[in-house]
Amino acid sequence: MSDRSTDAAFEEDFKPRGTIAIVAMFVAMLILLWLSIYLILIVRGVTV
């Protein structure tokens, strides 16, 4: 019985720090890639 209460307490206190870090790095990489392409287009003078 104590094992289940320990598991329940662990699940309530679990914070997915690794997942949040990976998602944050992914979003930062997408922003940087988009920004680099945007700047290349501005430098080349491409208009829409």
C-alpha atoms as a PDB file:
ATOM      1  CA  MET A   1       0.000   0.000   0.000  1.00  0.00           C
ATOM      2  CA  SER A   2       2.836   2.396   0.751  1.00  0.00           C
ATOM      3  CA  ASP A   3       4.316   1.764  -2.719  1.00  0.00           C
ATOM      4  CA  ARG A   4       1.176   3.054  -4.399  1.00  0.00           C
ATOM      5  CA  SER A   5       1.076   6.181  -2.265  1.00  0.00           C
ATOM      6  CA  THR A   6       4.765   6.802  -3.045  1.00  0.00           C
ATOM      7  CA  ASP A   7       4.084   6.357  -6.780  1.00  0.00           C
ATOM      8  CA  ALA A   8       1.129   8.720  -6.606  1.00  0.00           C
ATOM      9  CA  ALA A   9       3.213  11.329  -4.805  1.00  0.00           C
ATOM     10  CA  PHE A  10       5.983  10.956  -7.406  1.00  0.00           C
ATOM     11  CA  GLU A  11       3.544  11.417 -10.276  1.00  0.00           C
ATOM     12  CA  GLU A  12       2.114  14.567  -8.685  1.00  0.00           C
ATOM     13  CA  ASP A  13       5.577  16.053  -8.116  1.00  0.00           C
ATOM     14  CA  PHE A  14       6.974  15.038 -11.526  1.00  0.00           C
ATOM     15  CA  LYS A  15       8.039  18.009 -13.627  1.00  0.00           C
ATOM     16  CA  PRO A  16       9.190  17.216 -17.192  1.00  0.00           C
ATOM     17  CA  ARG A  17      12.246  19.488 -17.188  1.00  0.00           C
ATOM     18  CA  GLY A  18      14.010  17.525 -19.931  1.00  0.00           C
ATOM     19  CA  THR A  19      11.006  17.670 -22.236  1.00  0.00           C
ATOM     20  CA  ILE A  20      10.599  21.386 -21.656  1.00  0.00           C
ATOM     21  CA  ALA A  21      14.300  21.936 -22.408  1.00  0.00           C
ATOM     22  CA  ILE A  22      14.117  19.931 -25.653  1.00  0.00           C
ATOM     23  CA  VAL A  23      10.992  21.782 -26.811  1.00  0.00           C
ATOM     24  CA  ALA A  24      12.586  25.138 -25.936  1.00  0.00           C
ATOM     25  CA  MET A  25      15.721  24.256 -27.930  1.00  0.00           C
ATOM     26  CA  PHE A  26      13.572  23.124 -30.868  1.00  0.00           C
ATOM     27  CA  VAL A  27      11.585  26.369 -30.861  1.00  0.00           C
ATOM     28  CA  ALA A  28      14.761  28.444 -30.568  1.00  0.00           C
ATOM     29  CA  MET A  29      16.283  26.561 -33.504  1.00  0.00           C
ATOM     30  CA  LEU A  30      13.173  27.146 -35.622  1.00  0.00           C
ATOM     31  CA  ILE A  31      13.255  30.861 -34.828  1.00  0.00           C
ATOM     32  CA  LEU A  32      16.952  31.130 -35.673  1.00  0.00           C
ATOM     33  CA  LEU A  33      16.531  29.244 -38.951  1.00  0.00           C
ATOM     34  CA  TRP A  34      13.536  31.360 -39.930  1.00  0.00           C
ATOM     35  CA  LEU A  35      15.422  34.547 -39.036  1.00  0.00           C
ATOM     36  CA  SER A  36      18.476  33.533 -41.064  1.00  0.00           C
ATOM     37  CA  ILE A  37      16.365  32.811 -44.151  1.00  0.00           C
ATOM     38  CA  TYR A  38      14.458  36.066 -43.663  1.00  0.00           C
ATOM     39  CA  LEU A  39      17.697  38.041 -43.463  1.00  0.00           C
ATOM     40  CA  ILE A  40      19.059  36.312 -46.586  1.00  0.00           C
ATOM     41  CA  LEU A  41      15.914  37.310 -48.471  1.00  0.00           C
ATOM     42  CA  ILE A  42      16.201  40.907 -47.268  1.00  0.00           C
ATOM     43  CA  VAL A  43      19.863  41.126 -48.288  1.00  0.00           C
ATOM     44  CA  ARG A  44      19.119  39.739 -51.754  1.00  0.00           C
ATOM     45  CA  GLY A  45      16.268  42.220 -52.201  1.00  0.00           C
ATOM     46  CA  VAL A  46      13.581  39.643 -52.872  1.00  0.00           C
ATOM     47  CA  THR A  47      10.128  41.208 -52.850  1.00  0.00           C
ATOM     48  CA  VAL A  48       6.779  39.511 -52.834  1.00  0.00           C
END
